[in-house]
Amino acid sequence: MLEVLLAGKIKEQILFYLFTRSEGHAREIARTFAGHPTAFIRQLKKLEKGEVLISRLKGRTRLYSFNPRYPFQAELEALLAKALSFIPTKEREKYYTPRLRPRRAGKPL
């Protein structure tokens, strides 16, 4: 939906993911969308370089989230909220609804 504006489907997926879950790491985001982690890492670094995102280390994992000092943060979040409302409910629940608790060990998918 925002692919034309954001110049790529992966950036769109990253921004929606971080908007709905507030933070995440590259492998987690790539796993959610069944993509290759390298492509997601590349786009996360571009967004961080453009100061849209910030990252921090938690152990050996780099977590990304929106930069609170980004001058267009409110506008970007409003745009993402509006665009998210147009995504079909089934897709929104599959990709953008955070799990509330971990899966029980041994439980089938």
N, C-alpha and C. Protein backbone atom coordinates (compact mmCIF):
# COMPACT_ATOMS: atom_id res chain seq x y z
N MET A 1 0.82 -1.19 0.00
CA MET A 1 0.00 0.00 0.00
C MET A 1 0.87 1.26 0.00
N LEU A 2 1.86 1.30 0.86
CA LEU A 2 2.77 2.45 0.90
C LEU A 2 4.06 2.16 0.15
N GLU A 3 4.07 1.04 -0.55
CA GLU A 3 5.28 0.60 -1.25
C GLU A 3 5.81 1.67 -2.20
N VAL A 4 4.93 2.33 -2.92
CA VAL A 4 5.34 3.36 -3.87
C VAL A 4 5.97 4.54 -3.13
N LEU A 5 5.37 4.93 -2.04
CA LEU A 5 5.89 6.05 -1.25
C LEU A 5 7.20 5.71 -0.57
N LEU A 6 7.30 4.51 -0.05
CA LEU A 6 8.45 4.12 0.75
C LEU A 6 9.54 3.44 -0.07
N ALA A 7 9.32 3.26 -1.34
CA ALA A 7 10.31 2.66 -2.25
C ALA A 7 10.66 1.23 -1.87
N GLY A 8 9.67 0.46 -1.46
CA GLY A 8 9.94 -0.94 -1.21
C GLY A 8 8.98 -1.60 -0.24
N LYS A 9 8.66 -2.84 -0.54
CA LYS A 9 7.74 -3.62 0.29
C LYS A 9 8.36 -3.93 1.66
N ILE A 10 9.67 -4.16 1.68
CA ILE A 10 10.33 -4.51 2.94
C ILE A 10 10.28 -3.34 3.92
N LYS A 11 10.51 -2.12 3.43
CA LYS A 11 10.42 -0.95 4.32
C LYS A 11 9.02 -0.82 4.88
N GLU A 12 8.03 -1.05 4.02
CA GLU A 12 6.64 -0.97 4.47
C GLU A 12 6.39 -1.99 5.58
N GLN A 13 6.85 -3.22 5.39
CA GLN A 13 6.65 -4.26 6.39
C GLN A 13 7.36 -3.91 7.70
N ILE A 14 8.57 -3.38 7.60
CA ILE A 14 9.33 -2.99 8.80
C ILE A 14 8.59 -1.91 9.57
N LEU A 15 8.15 -0.88 8.87
CA LEU A 15 7.49 0.24 9.55
C LEU A 15 6.17 -0.19 10.19
N PHE A 16 5.37 -1.00 9.48
CA PHE A 16 4.14 -1.51 10.08
C PHE A 16 4.43 -2.38 11.30
N TYR A 17 5.43 -3.22 11.19
CA TYR A 17 5.80 -4.11 12.29
C TYR A 17 6.20 -3.29 13.52
N LEU A 18 7.08 -2.33 13.34
CA LEU A 18 7.54 -1.52 14.47
C LEU A 18 6.43 -0.62 15.01
N PHE A 19 5.54 -0.19 14.14
CA PHE A 19 4.41 0.64 14.57
C PHE A 19 3.48 -0.17 15.49
N THR A 20 3.24 -1.42 15.14
CA THR A 20 2.30 -2.22 15.92
C THR A 20 2.94 -2.88 17.15
N ARG A 21 4.26 -3.13 17.11
CA ARG A 21 4.91 -3.84 18.22
C ARG A 21 5.92 -2.99 18.98
N SER A 22 6.16 -1.79 18.54
CA SER A 22 7.06 -0.80 19.15
C SER A 22 8.55 -1.09 19.03
N GLU A 23 8.97 -2.35 18.97
CA GLU A 23 10.38 -2.65 18.73
C GLU A 23 10.53 -4.09 18.22
N GLY A 24 11.68 -4.36 17.63
CA GLY A 24 11.94 -5.70 17.13
C GLY A 24 13.34 -5.79 16.57
N HIS A 25 13.79 -7.03 16.36
CA HIS A 25 15.11 -7.21 15.76
C HIS A 25 14.95 -7.79 14.36
N ALA A 26 16.01 -7.71 13.56
CA ALA A 26 15.94 -8.03 12.13
C ALA A 26 15.46 -9.45 11.88
N ARG A 27 16.01 -10.43 12.57
CA ARG A 27 15.62 -11.82 12.32
C ARG A 27 14.15 -12.07 12.67
N GLU A 28 13.69 -11.46 13.73
CA GLU A 28 12.30 -11.61 14.14
C GLU A 28 11.36 -11.03 13.07
N ILE A 29 11.70 -9.87 12.56
CA ILE A 29 10.88 -9.24 11.53
C ILE A 29 10.92 -10.08 10.25
N ALA A 30 12.11 -10.52 9.85
CA ALA A 30 12.25 -11.33 8.64
C ALA A 30 11.48 -12.65 8.78
N ARG A 31 11.54 -13.26 9.95
CA ARG A 31 10.83 -14.52 10.18
C ARG A 31 9.31 -14.31 10.09
N THR A 32 8.83 -13.20 10.58
CA THR A 32 7.40 -12.90 10.53
C THR A 32 6.90 -12.86 9.09
N PHE A 33 7.68 -12.26 8.20
CA PHE A 33 7.26 -12.10 6.81
C PHE A 33 7.89 -13.14 5.88
N ALA A 34 8.54 -14.16 6.44
CA ALA A 34 9.18 -15.23 5.66
C ALA A 34 10.14 -14.66 4.63
N GLY A 35 10.94 -13.69 5.06
CA GLY A 35 11.92 -13.07 4.16
C GLY A 35 13.33 -13.39 4.59
N HIS A 36 14.27 -12.94 3.79
CA HIS A 36 15.68 -13.17 4.09
C HIS A 36 16.17 -12.08 5.04
N PRO A 37 16.81 -12.44 6.14
CA PRO A 37 17.25 -11.44 7.13
C PRO A 37 18.17 -10.36 6.56
N THR A 38 19.00 -10.71 5.59
CA THR A 38 19.93 -9.73 5.02
C THR A 38 19.19 -8.55 4.41
N ALA A 39 18.12 -8.82 3.69
CA ALA A 39 17.34 -7.75 3.07
C ALA A 39 16.73 -6.83 4.13
N PHE A 40 16.25 -7.42 5.21
CA PHE A 40 15.65 -6.62 6.28
C PHE A 40 16.71 -5.82 7.02
N ILE A 41 17.87 -6.42 7.25
CA ILE A 41 18.97 -5.71 7.92
C ILE A 41 19.39 -4.49 7.10
N ARG A 42 19.48 -4.67 5.78
CA ARG A 42 19.88 -3.58 4.90
C ARG A 42 18.89 -2.41 5.00
N GLN A 43 17.60 -2.72 4.99
CA GLN A 43 16.59 -1.66 5.06
C GLN A 43 16.55 -1.02 6.45
N LEU A 44 16.74 -1.82 7.49
CA LEU A 44 16.78 -1.26 8.84
C LEU A 44 17.95 -0.29 8.99
N LYS A 45 19.10 -0.64 8.42
CA LYS A 45 20.25 0.26 8.49
C LYS A 45 19.99 1.55 7.72
N LYS A 46 19.32 1.47 6.58
CA LYS A 46 18.98 2.68 5.82
C LYS A 46 18.04 3.58 6.61
N LEU A 47 17.04 2.97 7.25
CA LEU A 47 16.10 3.75 8.04
C LEU A 47 16.78 4.35 9.27
N GLU A 48 17.74 3.64 9.83
CA GLU A 48 18.49 4.17 10.96
C GLU A 48 19.40 5.32 10.51
N LYS A 49 20.02 5.15 9.37
CA LYS A 49 20.89 6.21 8.85
C LYS A 49 20.09 7.48 8.55
N GLY A 50 18.85 7.31 8.08
CA GLY A 50 17.97 8.45 7.83
C GLY A 50 17.31 8.99 9.09
N GLU A 51 17.67 8.43 10.25
CA GLU A 51 17.20 8.85 11.57
C GLU A 51 15.71 8.64 11.81
N VAL A 52 15.10 7.75 11.02
CA VAL A 52 13.71 7.38 11.25
C VAL A 52 13.64 6.39 12.41
N LEU A 53 14.64 5.50 12.48
CA LEU A 53 14.72 4.50 13.53
C LEU A 53 15.97 4.70 14.37
N ILE A 54 15.92 4.16 15.56
CA ILE A 54 17.12 4.09 16.40
C ILE A 54 17.28 2.63 16.80
N SER A 55 18.49 2.28 17.21
CA SER A 55 18.72 0.90 17.64
C SER A 55 19.49 0.92 18.95
N ARG A 56 19.36 -0.18 19.65
CA ARG A 56 20.11 -0.36 20.90
C ARG A 56 20.43 -1.84 21.02
N LEU A 57 21.51 -2.11 21.70
CA LEU A 57 21.90 -3.50 21.91
C LEU A 57 21.29 -4.02 23.21
N LYS A 58 20.73 -5.22 23.13
CA LYS A 58 20.24 -5.92 24.31
C LYS A 58 20.95 -7.27 24.27
N GLY A 59 22.04 -7.35 25.01
CA GLY A 59 22.92 -8.51 24.90
C GLY A 59 23.64 -8.43 23.56
N ARG A 60 23.46 -9.44 22.72
CA ARG A 60 24.06 -9.43 21.39
C ARG A 60 23.04 -9.11 20.31
N THR A 61 21.83 -8.78 20.70
CA THR A 61 20.75 -8.53 19.76
C THR A 61 20.54 -7.03 19.60
N ARG A 62 20.46 -6.57 18.35
CA ARG A 62 20.20 -5.16 18.07
C ARG A 62 18.70 -4.98 17.88
N LEU A 63 18.09 -4.21 18.79
CA LEU A 63 16.66 -3.92 18.73
C LEU A 63 16.44 -2.57 18.07
N TYR A 64 15.45 -2.51 17.19
CA TYR A 64 15.12 -1.28 16.48
C TYR A 64 13.77 -0.76 16.95
N SER A 65 13.64 0.56 16.99
CA SER A 65 12.37 1.21 17.31
C SER A 65 12.36 2.58 16.65
N PHE A 66 11.21 3.24 16.69
CA PHE A 66 11.11 4.57 16.09
C PHE A 66 11.93 5.57 16.90
N ASN A 67 12.53 6.51 16.19
CA ASN A 67 13.32 7.56 16.82
C ASN A 67 12.36 8.62 17.35
N PRO A 68 12.30 8.82 18.68
CA PRO A 68 11.39 9.83 19.22
C PRO A 68 11.76 11.26 18.83
N ARG A 69 12.98 11.47 18.36
CA ARG A 69 13.43 12.81 17.96
C ARG A 69 13.26 13.05 16.46
N TYR A 70 12.73 12.07 15.73
CA TYR A 70 12.50 12.25 14.30
C TYR A 70 11.45 13.34 14.12
N PRO A 71 11.73 14.38 13.32
CA PRO A 71 10.81 15.52 13.24
C PRO A 71 9.43 15.20 12.68
N PHE A 72 9.30 14.14 11.91
CA PHE A 72 8.01 13.80 11.31
C PHE A 72 7.41 12.54 11.93
N GLN A 73 7.77 12.25 13.15
CA GLN A 73 7.31 11.03 13.80
C GLN A 73 5.78 11.00 13.92
N ALA A 74 5.17 12.06 14.37
CA ALA A 74 3.72 12.08 14.54
C ALA A 74 3.02 11.89 13.20
N GLU A 75 3.53 12.54 12.16
CA GLU A 75 2.93 12.42 10.83
C GLU A 75 3.10 11.01 10.27
N LEU A 76 4.29 10.43 10.49
CA LEU A 76 4.55 9.07 10.02
C LEU A 76 3.64 8.08 10.72
N GLU A 77 3.49 8.21 12.02
CA GLU A 77 2.62 7.31 12.76
C GLU A 77 1.16 7.48 12.36
N ALA A 78 0.73 8.70 12.08
CA ALA A 78 -0.64 8.92 11.60
C ALA A 78 -0.84 8.26 10.24
N LEU A 79 0.15 8.38 9.36
CA LEU A 79 0.07 7.76 8.05
C LEU A 79 0.03 6.23 8.17
N LEU A 80 0.86 5.67 9.03
CA LEU A 80 0.88 4.22 9.23
C LEU A 80 -0.44 3.73 9.84
N ALA A 81 -1.00 4.48 10.77
CA ALA A 81 -2.27 4.09 11.37
C ALA A 81 -3.38 4.09 10.33
N LYS A 82 -3.40 5.11 9.49
CA LYS A 82 -4.41 5.20 8.43
C LYS A 82 -4.24 4.05 7.43
N ALA A 83 -3.00 3.80 7.01
CA ALA A 83 -2.74 2.73 6.04
C ALA A 83 -3.05 1.36 6.64
N LEU A 84 -2.77 1.17 7.91
CA LEU A 84 -3.03 -0.10 8.57
C LEU A 84 -4.53 -0.41 8.61
N SER A 85 -5.34 0.62 8.69
CA SER A 85 -6.78 0.41 8.70
C SER A 85 -7.30 -0.12 7.37
N PHE A 86 -6.55 0.03 6.30
CA PHE A 86 -6.96 -0.46 4.98
C PHE A 86 -6.45 -1.87 4.69
N ILE A 87 -5.59 -2.40 5.53
CA ILE A 87 -5.09 -3.76 5.34
C ILE A 87 -6.20 -4.72 5.76
N PRO A 88 -6.43 -5.77 4.97
CA PRO A 88 -7.48 -6.74 5.34
C PRO A 88 -7.26 -7.31 6.74
N THR A 89 -8.35 -7.54 7.45
CA THR A 89 -8.30 -7.98 8.84
C THR A 89 -7.48 -9.26 9.02
N LYS A 90 -7.65 -10.21 8.12
CA LYS A 90 -6.93 -11.48 8.24
C LYS A 90 -5.41 -11.27 8.16
N GLU A 91 -4.97 -10.43 7.24
CA GLU A 91 -3.55 -10.14 7.10
C GLU A 91 -3.04 -9.35 8.30
N ARG A 92 -3.84 -8.40 8.77
CA ARG A 92 -3.46 -7.60 9.94
C ARG A 92 -3.27 -8.47 11.17
N GLU A 93 -4.17 -9.43 11.38
CA GLU A 93 -4.06 -10.33 12.52
C GLU A 93 -2.85 -11.26 12.39
N LYS A 94 -2.56 -11.69 11.16
CA LYS A 94 -1.46 -12.62 10.94
C LYS A 94 -0.10 -11.97 11.18
N TYR A 95 0.10 -10.76 10.65
CA TYR A 95 1.42 -10.13 10.69
C TYR A 95 1.59 -9.07 11.76
N TYR A 96 0.57 -8.35 12.08
CA TYR A 96 0.74 -7.14 12.89
C TYR A 96 0.11 -7.19 14.27
N THR A 97 -0.38 -8.35 14.70
CA THR A 97 -0.92 -8.48 16.04
C THR A 97 0.12 -9.20 16.89
N PRO A 98 0.63 -8.55 17.90
CA PRO A 98 1.68 -9.20 18.72
C PRO A 98 1.12 -10.36 19.53
N ARG A 99 1.95 -11.37 19.69
CA ARG A 99 1.57 -12.51 20.55
C ARG A 99 1.56 -12.03 21.99
N LEU A 100 0.57 -12.45 22.74
CA LEU A 100 0.46 -12.02 24.12
C LEU A 100 1.25 -12.90 25.09
N ARG A 101 1.46 -14.15 24.71
CA ARG A 101 2.24 -15.05 25.56
C ARG A 101 2.98 -16.02 24.67
N PRO A 102 4.06 -16.58 25.15
CA PRO A 102 4.82 -17.53 24.32
C PRO A 102 4.07 -18.83 24.12
N ARG A 103 4.38 -19.52 23.05
CA ARG A 103 3.77 -20.81 22.75
C ARG A 103 4.30 -21.85 23.72
N ARG A 104 3.41 -22.74 24.16
CA ARG A 104 3.79 -23.81 25.08
C ARG A 104 4.77 -24.76 24.39
N ALA A 105 5.76 -25.21 25.08
CA ALA A 105 6.76 -26.12 24.52
C ALA A 105 6.08 -27.40 24.04
N GLY A 106 6.41 -27.80 22.82
CA GLY A 106 5.87 -29.03 22.25
C GLY A 106 4.51 -28.89 21.60
N LYS A 107 3.90 -27.72 21.67
CA LYS A 107 2.59 -27.51 21.07
C LYS A 107 2.74 -27.41 19.56
N PRO A 108 1.91 -28.13 18.78
CA PRO A 108 2.04 -28.07 17.32
C PRO A 108 1.61 -26.69 16.80
N LEU A 109 2.21 -26.32 15.66
CA LEU A 109 1.85 -25.05 15.04
C LEU A 109 0.51 -25.21 14.43
